Amino acid sequence: MTTTPFESVPSINDKKDINLDTLSQENQAPPLETAKRSIWSSIRFKAALLALAIGIVPVIAIGGVAYYFANQSITQKVASEQQFKTIELADKLNLFMFERFGDIQVLANLPFLNDPKIQAITTLQDKKITLDKYAETYAVYDNIVVADLNGNVILEAGKEKTISNTCLSRLLQGCQKVANLRYW
């Protein structure tokens, strides 16, 4: 007896019970051993990583470059501002010293201080009044003190009488601080 290839296949007319579970198991290939796949082998992961890199790397690069140039610009502006303020302060100090030098020249050339004949006939009270008016007019000075070459106080005028011979002597000896200075 010969059998045809179709005889082993159950026909629709056969009333045999067909179990779908066994049928699906028979048609399946034997299970392959599935090894754990690495995350790097997933195309989805690689695509997501590439998308993140395309989005984040330029932002970080542009941000870094912008930070560098902004930092350079701010540093340069601060340095130039400090240089400007330093020059401005030096100019103000030079002008202040120039004005004080002029004041010293005017005081040194007052006739009652410079000319011995006028010095002899001018009273001490007249000299003080003249110096008080000078201090009041210029409003820069609280006190004006006239001393001899040895540092001895000859004449003092102004609001406060605080200068002593020892202070002037220390000043002539090179002491850097004689009294507290007032800045405005």
Protein backbone atom coordinates (compact mmCIF):
# COMPACT_ATOMS: atom_id res chain seq x y z
CA MET A 1 0.00 0.00 0.00
CA THR A 2 1.17 3.28 -0.97
CA THR A 3 0.43 6.36 0.87
CA THR A 4 0.23 9.77 -0.48
CA PRO A 5 1.70 12.72 1.27
CA PHE A 6 -1.74 14.10 1.95
CA GLU A 7 -2.96 11.10 3.86
CA SER A 8 -1.08 11.97 7.00
CA VAL A 9 -2.65 15.38 7.15
CA PRO A 10 -6.00 15.26 8.86
CA SER A 11 -8.81 16.40 6.70
CA ILE A 12 -11.64 18.60 7.65
CA ASN A 13 -14.04 15.70 7.39
CA ASP A 14 -12.18 13.70 10.02
CA LYS A 15 -13.79 14.00 13.35
CA LYS A 16 -10.68 13.68 15.35
CA ASP A 17 -10.13 16.01 18.23
CA ILE A 18 -7.38 18.41 17.38
CA ASN A 19 -5.62 20.03 20.23
CA LEU A 20 -4.42 23.49 19.18
CA ASP A 21 -1.69 23.55 21.79
CA THR A 22 -0.11 20.39 20.49
CA LEU A 23 -0.53 21.52 16.92
CA SER A 24 1.21 24.82 17.55
CA GLN A 25 4.00 23.04 19.41
CA GLU A 26 4.49 20.60 16.59
CA ASN A 27 4.81 23.34 14.01
CA GLN A 28 7.30 25.35 16.04
CA ALA A 29 10.98 24.99 15.65
CA PRO A 30 12.83 23.83 18.69
CA PRO A 31 13.54 26.75 21.04
CA LEU A 32 16.83 28.47 20.40
CA GLU A 33 18.96 29.35 23.32
CA THR A 34 18.42 33.05 23.74
CA ALA A 35 21.48 34.75 25.12
CA LYS A 36 21.03 38.05 26.90
CA ARG A 37 21.48 40.74 24.35
CA SER A 38 23.65 43.69 25.27
CA ILE A 39 22.05 47.11 25.50
CA TRP A 40 24.56 48.28 22.86
CA SER A 41 23.16 45.83 20.32
CA SER A 42 19.71 47.46 20.40
CA ILE A 43 19.10 49.75 17.44
CA ARG A 44 16.47 51.64 19.44
CA PHE A 45 19.01 52.46 22.16
CA LYS A 46 21.58 53.53 19.61
CA ALA A 47 19.07 55.79 17.86
CA ALA A 48 18.02 57.39 21.16
CA LEU A 49 21.65 57.90 22.15
CA LEU A 50 22.43 59.48 18.78
CA ALA A 51 19.41 61.80 19.08
CA LEU A 52 20.52 62.89 22.54
CA ALA A 53 24.05 63.47 21.32
CA ILE A 54 22.83 65.53 18.37
CA GLY A 55 20.69 67.62 20.72
CA ILE A 56 22.94 68.00 23.76
CA VAL A 57 26.49 68.19 22.42
CA PRO A 58 25.92 71.36 20.34
CA VAL A 59 24.13 73.04 23.25
CA ILE A 60 27.02 72.26 25.59
CA ALA A 61 29.60 73.33 23.01
CA ILE A 62 27.84 76.60 22.18
CA GLY A 63 27.23 77.27 25.88
CA GLY A 64 30.90 76.69 26.68
CA VAL A 65 32.07 78.99 23.90
CA ALA A 66 29.54 81.65 24.91
CA TYR A 67 30.65 81.40 28.54
CA TYR A 68 34.30 81.78 27.54
CA PHE A 69 33.69 84.89 25.44
CA ALA A 70 31.31 86.43 27.99
CA ASN A 71 33.85 85.83 30.74
CA GLN A 72 36.60 87.42 28.63
CA SER A 73 34.39 90.41 27.86
CA ILE A 74 33.35 90.94 31.47
CA THR A 75 36.94 90.58 32.68
CA GLN A 76 38.10 93.12 30.13
CA LYS A 77 35.31 95.56 31.05
CA VAL A 78 36.07 95.25 34.77
CA ALA A 79 39.79 95.75 34.15
CA SER A 80 39.21 98.81 31.97
CA GLU A 81 36.74 100.23 34.52
CA GLN A 82 39.27 99.75 37.32
CA GLN A 83 41.98 101.34 35.18
CA PHE A 84 39.68 104.29 34.43
CA LYS A 85 38.85 104.74 38.13
CA THR A 86 42.54 104.52 39.04
CA ILE A 87 43.46 107.17 36.49
CA GLU A 88 40.57 109.34 37.65
CA LEU A 89 41.66 109.00 41.28
CA ALA A 90 45.28 109.78 40.37
CA ASP A 91 44.12 112.89 38.50
CA LYS A 92 42.04 114.02 41.47
CA LEU A 93 44.96 113.41 43.82
CA ASN A 94 47.36 115.30 41.55
CA LEU A 95 44.93 118.22 41.35
CA PHE A 96 44.46 118.18 45.12
CA MET A 97 48.23 118.18 45.73
CA PHE A 98 48.74 120.90 43.12
CA GLU A 99 46.13 123.09 44.85
CA ARG A 100 47.69 122.48 48.28
CA PHE A 101 51.13 123.32 46.90
CA GLY A 102 49.69 126.58 45.55
CA ASP A 103 48.15 127.32 48.94
CA ILE A 104 51.52 126.74 50.62
CA GLN A 105 53.15 129.12 48.14
CA VAL A 106 50.54 131.80 48.87
CA LEU A 107 50.96 131.39 52.64
CA ALA A 108 54.75 131.37 52.41
CA ASN A 109 54.69 134.63 50.47
CA LEU A 110 52.42 136.48 52.90
CA PRO A 111 54.26 139.69 53.75
CA PHE A 112 53.97 139.32 57.55
CA LEU A 113 55.58 135.85 57.30
CA ASN A 114 58.15 136.63 54.62
CA ASP A 115 59.34 140.17 55.24
CA PRO A 116 61.12 140.74 58.60
CA LYS A 117 60.18 144.46 58.67
CA ILE A 118 56.44 143.76 58.24
CA GLN A 119 56.70 140.79 60.60
CA ALA A 120 58.05 143.09 63.31
CA ILE A 121 55.24 145.65 63.04
CA THR A 122 52.33 143.18 62.62
CA THR A 123 50.79 142.00 65.88
CA LEU A 124 50.28 138.33 66.64
CA GLN A 125 46.51 138.92 66.75
CA ASP A 126 46.53 140.43 63.23
CA LYS A 127 48.51 137.47 61.92
CA LYS A 128 46.01 135.02 63.45
CA ILE A 129 43.06 136.95 62.02
CA THR A 130 44.62 136.83 58.55
CA LEU A 131 45.23 133.08 58.79
CA ASP A 132 41.72 132.49 60.19
CA LYS A 133 40.21 134.35 57.23
CA TYR A 134 42.34 132.31 54.86
CA ALA A 135 41.19 129.04 56.47
CA GLU A 136 37.56 130.19 56.44
CA THR A 137 37.73 131.33 52.81
CA TYR A 138 39.22 128.12 51.46
CA ALA A 139 37.21 125.75 53.72
CA VAL A 140 39.72 123.00 53.03
CA TYR A 141 41.66 123.68 56.19
CA ASP A 142 40.60 123.34 59.79
CA ASN A 143 43.93 124.64 61.05
CA ILE A 144 46.86 126.52 59.63
CA VAL A 145 50.16 126.23 61.45
CA VAL A 146 53.30 128.23 60.73
CA ALA A 147 56.53 126.74 62.05
CA ASP A 148 60.19 127.64 61.89
CA LEU A 149 62.84 125.42 60.33
CA ASN A 150 63.29 123.51 63.61
CA GLY A 151 59.60 122.59 63.80
CA ASN A 152 58.71 125.07 66.54
CA VAL A 153 55.19 126.47 66.18
CA ILE A 154 55.32 130.21 65.52
CA LEU A 155 51.70 130.86 64.62
CA GLU A 156 48.56 128.75 64.69
CA ALA A 157 45.09 129.63 63.45
CA GLY A 158 41.87 127.77 62.80
CA LYS A 159 39.05 126.03 64.61
CA GLU A 160 41.08 123.60 66.68
CA LYS A 161 44.43 124.13 68.32
CA THR A 162 45.80 120.59 68.35
CA ILE A 163 49.22 120.76 66.74
CA SER A 164 52.15 120.67 69.13
CA ASN A 165 55.86 121.15 68.66
CA THR A 166 56.44 117.41 69.04
CA CYS A 167 54.16 116.62 66.10
CA LEU A 168 56.01 118.99 63.82
CA SER A 169 59.36 117.73 65.07
CA ARG A 170 58.29 114.16 64.31
CA LEU A 171 57.15 115.26 60.85
CA LEU A 172 60.50 116.89 60.14
CA GLN A 173 62.25 113.69 61.29
CA GLY A 174 60.35 111.66 58.70
CA CYS A 175 57.47 110.23 60.73
CA GLN A 176 54.76 109.17 58.30
CA LYS A 177 51.73 109.68 60.54
CA VAL A 178 51.42 112.85 62.54
CA ALA A 179 47.65 113.03 63.00
CA ASN A 180 44.47 111.38 61.76
CA LEU A 181 43.59 112.49 58.26
CA ARG A 182 40.10 113.27 57.12
CA TYR A 183 39.00 112.18 53.64
CA TRP A 184 35.99 113.57 51.84
